[in-house]
Amino acid sequence: MPDSTPFADSPVWGGIKDCIVKVVPSLREAEFTPDTRFDRLGLASIQVITITFEIEELFGIGIVDDGLDVFETCGELEVLVRRLAAAREVTA
């Protein structure tokens, strides 16, 4: 059954946002919604890669294995992280 936690209150999103802010501190006060597009945040490609590595380390998953182009929005990234984390738990 899917988690019905509102996006802003989701612990998964909280972890993702922490990773984003760790790499780009100026985004600490940014408003994120599920529809917020990463290409509109003004991130350099190296920042996106670094954020991705931070998320992989935090959640123990492999996003890069699926390809960086599998998400465009914050909501898509959260869904991807949830899916990969759930798959990791099933195979563990």
PDB file of N, CA and C in Angstrom:
ATOM      1  N   MET A   1       0.843  -1.184   0.000  1.00  0.00           N
ATOM      2  CA  MET A   1       0.000   0.000   0.000  1.00  0.00           C
ATOM      3  C   MET A   1       0.888   1.246   0.000  1.00  0.00           C
ATOM      4  N   PRO A   2       0.654   2.212  -0.887  1.00  0.00           N
ATOM      5  CA  PRO A   2       1.491   3.401  -0.952  1.00  0.00           C
ATOM      6  C   PRO A   2       1.381   4.241   0.312  1.00  0.00           C
ATOM      7  N   ASP A   3       2.473   4.887   0.655  1.00  0.00           N
ATOM      8  CA  ASP A   3       2.508   5.791   1.791  1.00  0.00           C
ATOM      9  C   ASP A   3       1.706   7.033   1.434  1.00  0.00           C
ATOM     10  N   SER A   4       0.750   7.406   2.288  1.00  0.00           N
ATOM     11  CA  SER A   4      -0.087   8.569   2.004  1.00  0.00           C
ATOM     12  C   SER A   4       0.375   9.821   2.753  1.00  0.00           C
ATOM     13  N   THR A   5       1.585   9.791   3.305  1.00  0.00           N
ATOM     14  CA  THR A   5       2.125  10.950   4.006  1.00  0.00           C
ATOM     15  C   THR A   5       2.205  12.127   3.039  1.00  0.00           C
ATOM     16  N   PRO A   6       1.702  13.297   3.439  1.00  0.00           N
ATOM     17  CA  PRO A   6       1.828  14.467   2.556  1.00  0.00           C
ATOM     18  C   PRO A   6       3.293  14.721   2.211  1.00  0.00           C
ATOM     19  N   PHE A   7       3.517  15.146   0.992  1.00  0.00           N
ATOM     20  CA  PHE A   7       4.869  15.353   0.467  1.00  0.00           C
ATOM     21  C   PHE A   7       5.764  16.123   1.435  1.00  0.00           C
ATOM     22  N   ALA A   8       5.329  17.279   1.899  1.00  0.00           N
ATOM     23  CA  ALA A   8       6.161  18.131   2.745  1.00  0.00           C
ATOM     24  C   ALA A   8       6.514  17.467   4.069  1.00  0.00           C
ATOM     25  N   ASP A   9       5.670  16.547   4.544  1.00  0.00           N
ATOM     26  CA  ASP A   9       5.904  15.886   5.824  1.00  0.00           C
ATOM     27  C   ASP A   9       6.576  14.526   5.687  1.00  0.00           C
ATOM     28  N   SER A  10       6.821  14.105   4.475  1.00  0.00           N
ATOM     29  CA  SER A  10       7.385  12.789   4.228  1.00  0.00           C
ATOM     30  C   SER A  10       8.824  12.705   4.742  1.00  0.00           C
ATOM     31  N   PRO A  11       9.136  11.684   5.542  1.00  0.00           N
ATOM     32  CA  PRO A  11      10.526  11.521   5.981  1.00  0.00           C
ATOM     33  C   PRO A  11      11.480  11.282   4.809  1.00  0.00           C
ATOM     34  N   VAL A  12      10.981  10.620   3.762  1.00  0.00           N
ATOM     35  CA  VAL A  12      11.822  10.401   2.583  1.00  0.00           C
ATOM     36  C   VAL A  12      12.141  11.756   1.947  1.00  0.00           C
ATOM     37  N   TRP A  13      11.109  12.585   1.744  1.00  0.00           N
ATOM     38  CA  TRP A  13      11.370  13.900   1.164  1.00  0.00           C
ATOM     39  C   TRP A  13      12.265  14.724   2.083  1.00  0.00           C
ATOM     40  N   GLY A  14      12.076  14.627   3.398  1.00  0.00           N
ATOM     41  CA  GLY A  14      12.929  15.352   4.336  1.00  0.00           C
ATOM     42  C   GLY A  14      14.393  14.994   4.150  1.00  0.00           C
ATOM     43  N   GLY A  15      14.675  13.703   3.971  1.00  0.00           N
ATOM     44  CA  GLY A  15      16.045  13.266   3.734  1.00  0.00           C
ATOM     45  C   GLY A  15      16.590  13.775   2.412  1.00  0.00           C
ATOM     46  N   ILE A  16      15.742  13.742   1.384  1.00  0.00           N
ATOM     47  CA  ILE A  16      16.153  14.240   0.071  1.00  0.00           C
ATOM     48  C   ILE A  16      16.457  15.731   0.155  1.00  0.00           C
ATOM     49  N   LYS A  17      15.568  16.487   0.806  1.00  0.00           N
ATOM     50  CA  LYS A  17      15.793  17.932   0.924  1.00  0.00           C
ATOM     51  C   LYS A  17      17.072  18.218   1.705  1.00  0.00           C
ATOM     52  N   ASP A  18      17.334  17.449   2.756  1.00  0.00           N
ATOM     53  CA  ASP A  18      18.582  17.626   3.507  1.00  0.00           C
ATOM     54  C   ASP A  18      19.794  17.445   2.598  1.00  0.00           C
ATOM     55  N   CYS A  19      19.737  16.473   1.703  1.00  0.00           N
ATOM     56  CA  CYS A  19      20.834  16.240   0.764  1.00  0.00           C
ATOM     57  C   CYS A  19      20.984  17.415  -0.194  1.00  0.00           C
ATOM     58  N   ILE A  20      19.856  17.930  -0.674  1.00  0.00           N
ATOM     59  CA  ILE A  20      19.896  19.078  -1.585  1.00  0.00           C
ATOM     60  C   ILE A  20      20.534  20.276  -0.893  1.00  0.00           C
ATOM     61  N   VAL A  21      20.094  20.553   0.329  1.00  0.00           N
ATOM     62  CA  VAL A  21      20.598  21.716   1.069  1.00  0.00           C
ATOM     63  C   VAL A  21      22.062  21.542   1.461  1.00  0.00           C
ATOM     64  N   LYS A  22      22.477  20.316   1.710  1.00  0.00           N
ATOM     65  CA  LYS A  22      23.884  20.062   2.022  1.00  0.00           C
ATOM     66  C   LYS A  22      24.775  20.485   0.854  1.00  0.00           C
ATOM     67  N   VAL A  23      24.321  20.207  -0.362  1.00  0.00           N
ATOM     68  CA  VAL A  23      25.098  20.530  -1.563  1.00  0.00           C
ATOM     69  C   VAL A  23      24.892  21.986  -1.985  1.00  0.00           C
ATOM     70  N   VAL A  24      23.677  22.490  -1.826  1.00  0.00           N
ATOM     71  CA  VAL A  24      23.342  23.855  -2.257  1.00  0.00           C
ATOM     72  C   VAL A  24      22.643  24.569  -1.089  1.00  0.00           C
ATOM     73  N   PRO A  25      23.407  25.080  -0.135  1.00  0.00           N
ATOM     74  CA  PRO A  25      22.809  25.697   1.053  1.00  0.00           C
ATOM     75  C   PRO A  25      21.834  26.838   0.751  1.00  0.00           C
ATOM     76  N   SER A  26      21.997  27.506  -0.372  1.00  0.00           N
ATOM     77  CA  SER A  26      21.102  28.622  -0.711  1.00  0.00           C
ATOM     78  C   SER A  26      19.664  28.157  -0.955  1.00  0.00           C
ATOM     79  N   LEU A  27      19.430  26.856  -1.103  1.00  0.00           N
ATOM     80  CA  LEU A  27      18.083  26.341  -1.327  1.00  0.00           C
ATOM     81  C   LEU A  27      17.368  25.973  -0.022  1.00  0.00           C
ATOM     82  N   ARG A  28      18.000  26.263   1.121  1.00  0.00           N
ATOM     83  CA  ARG A  28      17.417  25.907   2.420  1.00  0.00           C
ATOM     84  C   ARG A  28      15.984  26.439   2.562  1.00  0.00           C
ATOM     85  N   GLU A  29      15.741  27.659   2.164  1.00  0.00           N
ATOM     86  CA  GLU A  29      14.423  28.272   2.327  1.00  0.00           C
ATOM     87  C   GLU A  29      13.537  28.147   1.082  1.00  0.00           C
ATOM     88  N   ALA A  30      14.010  27.440   0.081  1.00  0.00           N
ATOM     89  CA  ALA A  30      13.231  27.274  -1.156  1.00  0.00           C
ATOM     90  C   ALA A  30      11.964  26.469  -0.877  1.00  0.00           C
ATOM     91  N   GLU A  31      10.909  26.813  -1.589  1.00  0.00           N
ATOM     92  CA  GLU A  31       9.650  26.064  -1.500  1.00  0.00           C
ATOM     93  C   GLU A  31       9.693  24.931  -2.522  1.00  0.00           C
ATOM     94  N   PHE A  32       9.570  23.724  -2.044  1.00  0.00           N
ATOM     95  CA  PHE A  32       9.551  22.559  -2.915  1.00  0.00           C
ATOM     96  C   PHE A  32       8.161  21.944  -2.895  1.00  0.00           C
ATOM     97  N   THR A  33       7.659  21.587  -4.057  1.00  0.00           N
ATOM     98  CA  THR A  33       6.410  20.837  -4.179  1.00  0.00           C
ATOM     99  C   THR A  33       6.728  19.601  -5.005  1.00  0.00           C
ATOM    100  N   PRO A  34       5.811  18.652  -5.083  1.00  0.00           N
ATOM    101  CA  PRO A  34       6.067  17.494  -5.934  1.00  0.00           C
ATOM    102  C   PRO A  34       6.319  17.871  -7.391  1.00  0.00           C
ATOM    103  N   ASP A  35       5.774  19.019  -7.826  1.00  0.00           N
ATOM    104  CA  ASP A  35       5.930  19.445  -9.214  1.00  0.00           C
ATOM    105  C   ASP A  35       7.148  20.323  -9.469  1.00  0.00           C
ATOM    106  N   THR A  36       7.918  20.642  -8.426  1.00  0.00           N
ATOM    107  CA  THR A  36       9.114  21.464  -8.614  1.00  0.00           C
ATOM    108  C   THR A  36      10.099  20.727  -9.504  1.00  0.00           C
ATOM    109  N   ARG A  37      10.473  21.365 -10.596  1.00  0.00           N
ATOM    110  CA  ARG A  37      11.393  20.759 -11.570  1.00  0.00           C
ATOM    111  C   ARG A  37      12.832  21.118 -11.204  1.00  0.00           C
ATOM    112  N   PHE A  38      13.692  20.110 -11.232  1.00  0.00           N
ATOM    113  CA  PHE A  38      15.095  20.340 -10.906  1.00  0.00           C
ATOM    114  C   PHE A  38      15.773  21.274 -11.896  1.00  0.00           C
ATOM    115  N   ASP A  39      15.345  21.234 -13.158  1.00  0.00           N
ATOM    116  CA  ASP A  39      15.979  22.106 -14.147  1.00  0.00           C
ATOM    117  C   ASP A  39      15.611  23.576 -13.930  1.00  0.00           C
ATOM    118  N   ARG A  40      14.630  23.852 -13.101  1.00  0.00           N
ATOM    119  CA  ARG A  40      14.236  25.229 -12.805  1.00  0.00           C
ATOM    120  C   ARG A  40      14.891  25.760 -11.532  1.00  0.00           C
ATOM    121  N   LEU A  41      15.660  24.926 -10.845  1.00  0.00           N
ATOM    122  CA  LEU A  41      16.310  25.344  -9.597  1.00  0.00           C
ATOM    123  C   LEU A  41      17.669  25.985  -9.846  1.00  0.00           C
ATOM    124  N   GLY A  42      18.110  26.012 -11.099  1.00  0.00           N
ATOM    125  CA  GLY A  42      19.390  26.624 -11.423  1.00  0.00           C
ATOM    126  C   GLY A  42      20.590  25.815 -10.969  1.00  0.00           C
ATOM    127  N   LEU A  43      20.420  24.508 -10.887  1.00  0.00           N
ATOM    128  CA  LEU A  43      21.515  23.645 -10.447  1.00  0.00           C
ATOM    129  C   LEU A  43      22.444  23.322 -11.610  1.00  0.00           C
ATOM    130  N   ALA A  44      23.721  23.360 -11.335  1.00  0.00           N
ATOM    131  CA  ALA A  44      24.707  22.897 -12.311  1.00  0.00           C
ATOM    132  C   ALA A  44      24.672  21.373 -12.333  1.00  0.00           C
ATOM    133  N   SER A  45      25.063  20.798 -13.448  1.00  0.00           N
ATOM    134  CA  SER A  45      25.006  19.334 -13.566  1.00  0.00           C
ATOM    135  C   SER A  45      25.844  18.651 -12.488  1.00  0.00           C
ATOM    136  N   ILE A  46      26.972  19.238 -12.112  1.00  0.00           N
ATOM    137  CA  ILE A  46      27.795  18.640 -11.059  1.00  0.00           C
ATOM    138  C   ILE A  46      27.061  18.662  -9.720  1.00  0.00           C
ATOM    139  N   GLN A  47      26.229  19.687  -9.495  1.00  0.00           N
ATOM    140  CA  GLN A  47      25.448  19.740  -8.259  1.00  0.00           C
ATOM    141  C   GLN A  47      24.391  18.632  -8.247  1.00  0.00           C
ATOM    142  N   VAL A  48      23.751  18.396  -9.376  1.00  0.00           N
ATOM    143  CA  VAL A  48      22.753  17.324  -9.467  1.00  0.00           C
ATOM    144  C   VAL A  48      23.421  15.979  -9.197  1.00  0.00           C
ATOM    145  N   ILE A  49      24.580  15.768  -9.764  1.00  0.00           N
ATOM    146  CA  ILE A  49      25.300  14.510  -9.551  1.00  0.00           C
ATOM    147  C   ILE A  49      25.687  14.364  -8.085  1.00  0.00           C
ATOM    148  N   THR A  50      26.182  15.431  -7.478  1.00  0.00           N
ATOM    149  CA  THR A  50      26.587  15.382  -6.075  1.00  0.00           C
ATOM    150  C   THR A  50      25.377  15.127  -5.177  1.00  0.00           C
ATOM    151  N   ILE A  51      24.260  15.785  -5.457  1.00  0.00           N
ATOM    152  CA  ILE A  51      23.025  15.548  -4.693  1.00  0.00           C
ATOM    153  C   ILE A  51      22.605  14.089  -4.830  1.00  0.00           C
ATOM    154  N   THR A  52      22.687  13.562  -6.039  1.00  0.00           N
ATOM    155  CA  THR A  52      22.318  12.165  -6.277  1.00  0.00           C
ATOM    156  C   THR A  52      23.184  11.226  -5.456  1.00  0.00           C
ATOM    157  N   PHE A  53      24.488  11.474  -5.412  1.00  0.00           N
ATOM    158  CA  PHE A  53      25.382  10.633  -4.611  1.00  0.00           C
ATOM    159  C   PHE A  53      25.047  10.737  -3.120  1.00  0.00           C
ATOM    160  N   GLU A  54      24.712  11.933  -2.664  1.00  0.00           N
ATOM    161  CA  GLU A  54      24.326  12.118  -1.255  1.00  0.00           C
ATOM    162  C   GLU A  54      23.066  11.306  -0.934  1.00  0.00           C
ATOM    163  N   ILE A  55      22.091  11.348  -1.834  1.00  0.00           N
ATOM    164  CA  ILE A  55      20.840  10.598  -1.632  1.00  0.00           C
ATOM    165  C   ILE A  55      21.112   9.098  -1.635  1.00  0.00           C
ATOM    166  N   GLU A  56      21.946   8.646  -2.562  1.00  0.00           N
ATOM    167  CA  GLU A  56      22.296   7.218  -2.615  1.00  0.00           C
ATOM    168  C   GLU A  56      22.921   6.759  -1.305  1.00  0.00           C
ATOM    169  N   GLU A  57      23.826   7.563  -0.791  1.00  0.00           N
ATOM    170  CA  GLU A  57      24.504   7.203   0.458  1.00  0.00           C
ATOM    171  C   GLU A  57      23.520   7.194   1.628  1.00  0.00           C
ATOM    172  N   LEU A  58      22.666   8.203   1.713  1.00  0.00           N
ATOM    173  CA  LEU A  58      21.715   8.300   2.818  1.00  0.00           C
ATOM    174  C   LEU A  58      20.752   7.121   2.844  1.00  0.00           C
ATOM    175  N   PHE A  59      20.233   6.746   1.683  1.00  0.00           N
ATOM    176  CA  PHE A  59      19.209   5.713   1.623  1.00  0.00           C
ATOM    177  C   PHE A  59      19.748   4.325   1.265  1.00  0.00           C
ATOM    178  N   GLY A  60      21.030   4.221   0.966  1.00  0.00           N
ATOM    179  CA  GLY A  60      21.612   2.929   0.626  1.00  0.00           C
ATOM    180  C   GLY A  60      21.074   2.360  -0.671  1.00  0.00           C
ATOM    181  N   ILE A  61      20.896   3.233  -1.658  1.00  0.00           N
ATOM    182  CA  ILE A  61      20.325   2.814  -2.946  1.00  0.00           C
ATOM    183  C   ILE A  61      21.257   3.226  -4.084  1.00  0.00           C
ATOM    184  N   GLY A  62      20.926   2.802  -5.296  1.00  0.00           N
ATOM    185  CA  GLY A  62      21.715   3.141  -6.468  1.00  0.00           C
ATOM    186  C   GLY A  62      20.881   3.837  -7.530  1.00  0.00           C
ATOM    187  N   ILE A  63      20.753   5.146  -7.431  1.00  0.00           N
ATOM    188  CA  ILE A  63      19.995   5.914  -8.424  1.00  0.00           C
ATOM    189  C   ILE A  63      20.737   5.950  -9.749  1.00  0.00           C
ATOM    190  N   VAL A  64      22.040   6.149  -9.708  1.00  0.00           N
ATOM    191  CA  VAL A  64      22.839   6.271 -10.932  1.00  0.00           C
ATOM    192  C   VAL A  64      22.698   5.015 -11.778  1.00  0.00           C
ATOM    193  N   ASP A  65      22.508   3.874 -11.145  1.00  0.00           N
ATOM    194  CA  ASP A  65      22.322   2.637 -11.890  1.00  0.00           C
ATOM    195  C   ASP A  65      21.076   2.701 -12.773  1.00  0.00           C
ATOM    196  N   ASP A  66      20.061   3.430 -12.329  1.00  0.00           N
ATOM    197  CA  ASP A  66      18.838   3.592 -13.110  1.00  0.00           C
ATOM    198  C   ASP A  66      18.961   4.728 -14.114  1.00  0.00           C
ATOM    199  N   GLY A  67      19.966   5.560 -13.957  1.00  0.00           N
ATOM    200  CA  GLY A  67      20.163   6.704 -14.848  1.00  0.00           C
ATOM    201  C   GLY A  67      19.634   7.978 -14.233  1.00  0.00           C
ATOM    202  N   LEU A  68      20.388   9.045 -14.373  1.00  0.00           N
ATOM    203  CA  LEU A  68      20.006  10.320 -13.781  1.00  0.00           C
ATOM    204  C   LEU A  68      18.786  10.933 -14.448  1.00  0.00           C
ATOM    205  N   ASP A  69      18.441  10.477 -15.623  1.00  0.00           N
ATOM    206  CA  ASP A  69      17.325  11.081 -16.345  1.00  0.00           C
ATOM    207  C   ASP A  69      15.976  10.463 -15.992  1.00  0.00           C
ATOM    208  N   VAL A  70      15.924   9.640 -14.956  1.00  0.00           N
ATOM    209  CA  VAL A  70      14.669   8.996 -14.599  1.00  0.00           C
ATOM    210  C   VAL A  70      13.779   9.879 -13.734  1.00  0.00           C
ATOM    211  N   PHE A  71      14.246  11.058 -13.356  1.00  0.00           N
ATOM    212  CA  PHE A  71      13.408  11.980 -12.605  1.00  0.00           C
ATOM    213  C   PHE A  71      13.644  13.406 -13.076  1.00  0.00           C
ATOM    214  N   GLU A  72      12.571  14.167 -13.123  1.00  0.00           N
ATOM    215  CA  GLU A  72      12.644  15.576 -13.493  1.00  0.00           C
ATOM    216  C   GLU A  72      12.114  16.477 -12.390  1.00  0.00           C
ATOM    217  N   THR A  73      11.227  15.941 -11.552  1.00  0.00           N
ATOM    218  CA  THR A  73      10.610  16.735 -10.502  1.00  0.00           C
ATOM    219  C   THR A  73      10.931  16.151  -9.126  1.00  0.00           C
ATOM    220  N   CYS A  74      10.680  16.949  -8.114  1.00  0.00           N
ATOM    221  CA  CYS A  74      10.896  16.490  -6.742  1.00  0.00           C
ATOM    222  C   CYS A  74      10.020  15.286  -6.425  1.00  0.00           C
ATOM    223  N   GLY A  75       8.780  15.321  -6.884  1.00  0.00           N
ATOM    224  CA  GLY A  75       7.876  14.204  -6.651  1.00  0.00           C
ATOM    225  C   GLY A  75       8.348  12.924  -7.312  1.00  0.00           C
ATOM    226  N   GLU A  76       8.849  13.035  -8.542  1.00  0.00           N
ATOM    227  CA  GLU A  76       9.367  11.851  -9.240  1.00  0.00           C
ATOM    228  C   GLU A  76      10.580  11.289  -8.516  1.00  0.00           C
ATOM    229  N   LEU A  77      11.433  12.163  -8.001  1.00  0.00           N
ATOM    230  CA  LEU A  77      12.612  11.699  -7.264  1.00  0.00           C
ATOM    231  C   LEU A  77      12.186  10.997  -5.986  1.00  0.00           C
ATOM    232  N   GLU A  78      11.216  11.550  -5.274  1.00  0.00           N
ATOM    233  CA  GLU A  78      10.760  10.907  -4.041  1.00  0.00           C
ATOM    234  C   GLU A  78      10.198   9.520  -4.336  1.00  0.00           C
ATOM    235  N   VAL A  79       9.384   9.398  -5.376  1.00  0.00           N
ATOM    236  CA  VAL A  79       8.817   8.103  -5.752  1.00  0.00           C
ATOM    237  C   VAL A  79       9.929   7.117  -6.107  1.00  0.00           C
ATOM    238  N   LEU A  80      10.929   7.587  -6.853  1.00  0.00           N
ATOM    239  CA  LEU A  80      12.059   6.728  -7.229  1.00  0.00           C
ATOM    240  C   LEU A  80      12.813   6.247  -5.995  1.00  0.00           C
ATOM    241  N   VAL A  81      13.102   7.151  -5.068  1.00  0.00           N
ATOM    242  CA  VAL A  81      13.832   6.774  -3.853  1.00  0.00           C
ATOM    243  C   VAL A  81      13.016   5.766  -3.052  1.00  0.00           C
ATOM    244  N   ARG A  82      11.717   6.008  -2.910  1.00  0.00           N
ATOM    245  CA  ARG A  82      10.861   5.048  -2.185  1.00  0.00           C
ATOM    246  C   ARG A  82      10.900   3.671  -2.852  1.00  0.00           C
ATOM    247  N   ARG A  83      10.794   3.660  -4.194  1.00  0.00           N
ATOM    248  CA  ARG A  83      10.774   2.378  -4.929  1.00  0.00           C
ATOM    249  C   ARG A  83      12.091   1.633  -4.755  1.00  0.00           C
ATOM    250  N   LEU A  84      13.208   2.342  -4.915  1.00  0.00           N
ATOM    251  CA  LEU A  84      14.509   1.698  -4.789  1.00  0.00           C
ATOM    252  C   LEU A  84      14.781   1.238  -3.357  1.00  0.00           C
ATOM    253  N   ALA A  85      14.358   2.033  -2.375  1.00  0.00           N
ATOM    254  CA  ALA A  85      14.559   1.654  -0.982  1.00  0.00           C
ATOM    255  C   ALA A  85      13.705   0.429  -0.643  1.00  0.00           C
ATOM    256  N   ALA A  86      12.477   0.386  -1.146  1.00  0.00           N
ATOM    257  CA  ALA A  86      11.603  -0.772  -0.904  1.00  0.00           C
ATOM    258  C   ALA A  86      12.183  -2.028  -1.561  1.00  0.00           C
ATOM    259  N   ALA A  87      12.703  -1.894  -2.767  1.00  0.00           N
ATOM    260  CA  ALA A  87      13.308  -3.045  -3.453  1.00  0.00           C
ATOM    261  C   ALA A  87      14.535  -3.543  -2.706  1.00  0.00           C
ATOM    262  N   ARG A  88      15.301  -2.618  -2.159  1.00  0.00           N
ATOM    263  CA  ARG A  88      16.489  -2.989  -1.382  1.00  0.00           C
ATOM    264  C   ARG A  88      16.068  -3.782  -0.146  1.00  0.00           C
ATOM    265  N   GLU A  89      14.989  -3.341   0.518  1.00  0.00           N
ATOM    266  CA  GLU A  89      14.512  -4.032   1.726  1.00  0.00           C
ATOM    267  C   GLU A  89      13.995  -5.419   1.400  1.00  0.00           C
ATOM    268  N   VAL A  90      13.355  -5.578   0.245  1.00  0.00           N
ATOM    269  CA  VAL A  90      12.798  -6.877  -0.145  1.00  0.00           C
ATOM    270  C   VAL A  90      13.923  -7.870  -0.423  1.00  0.00           C
ATOM    271  N   THR A  91      14.990  -7.402  -1.038  1.00  0.00           N
ATOM    272  CA  THR A  91      16.090  -8.312  -1.398  1.00  0.00           C
ATOM    273  C   THR A  91      17.079  -8.517  -0.262  1.00  0.00           C
ATOM    274  N   ALA A  92      16.986  -7.731   0.780  1.00  0.00           N
ATOM    275  CA  ALA A  92      17.938  -7.847   1.898  1.00  0.00           C
ATOM    276  C   ALA A  92      17.620  -9.024   2.777  1.00  0.00           C
TER     277      ALA A  92
END
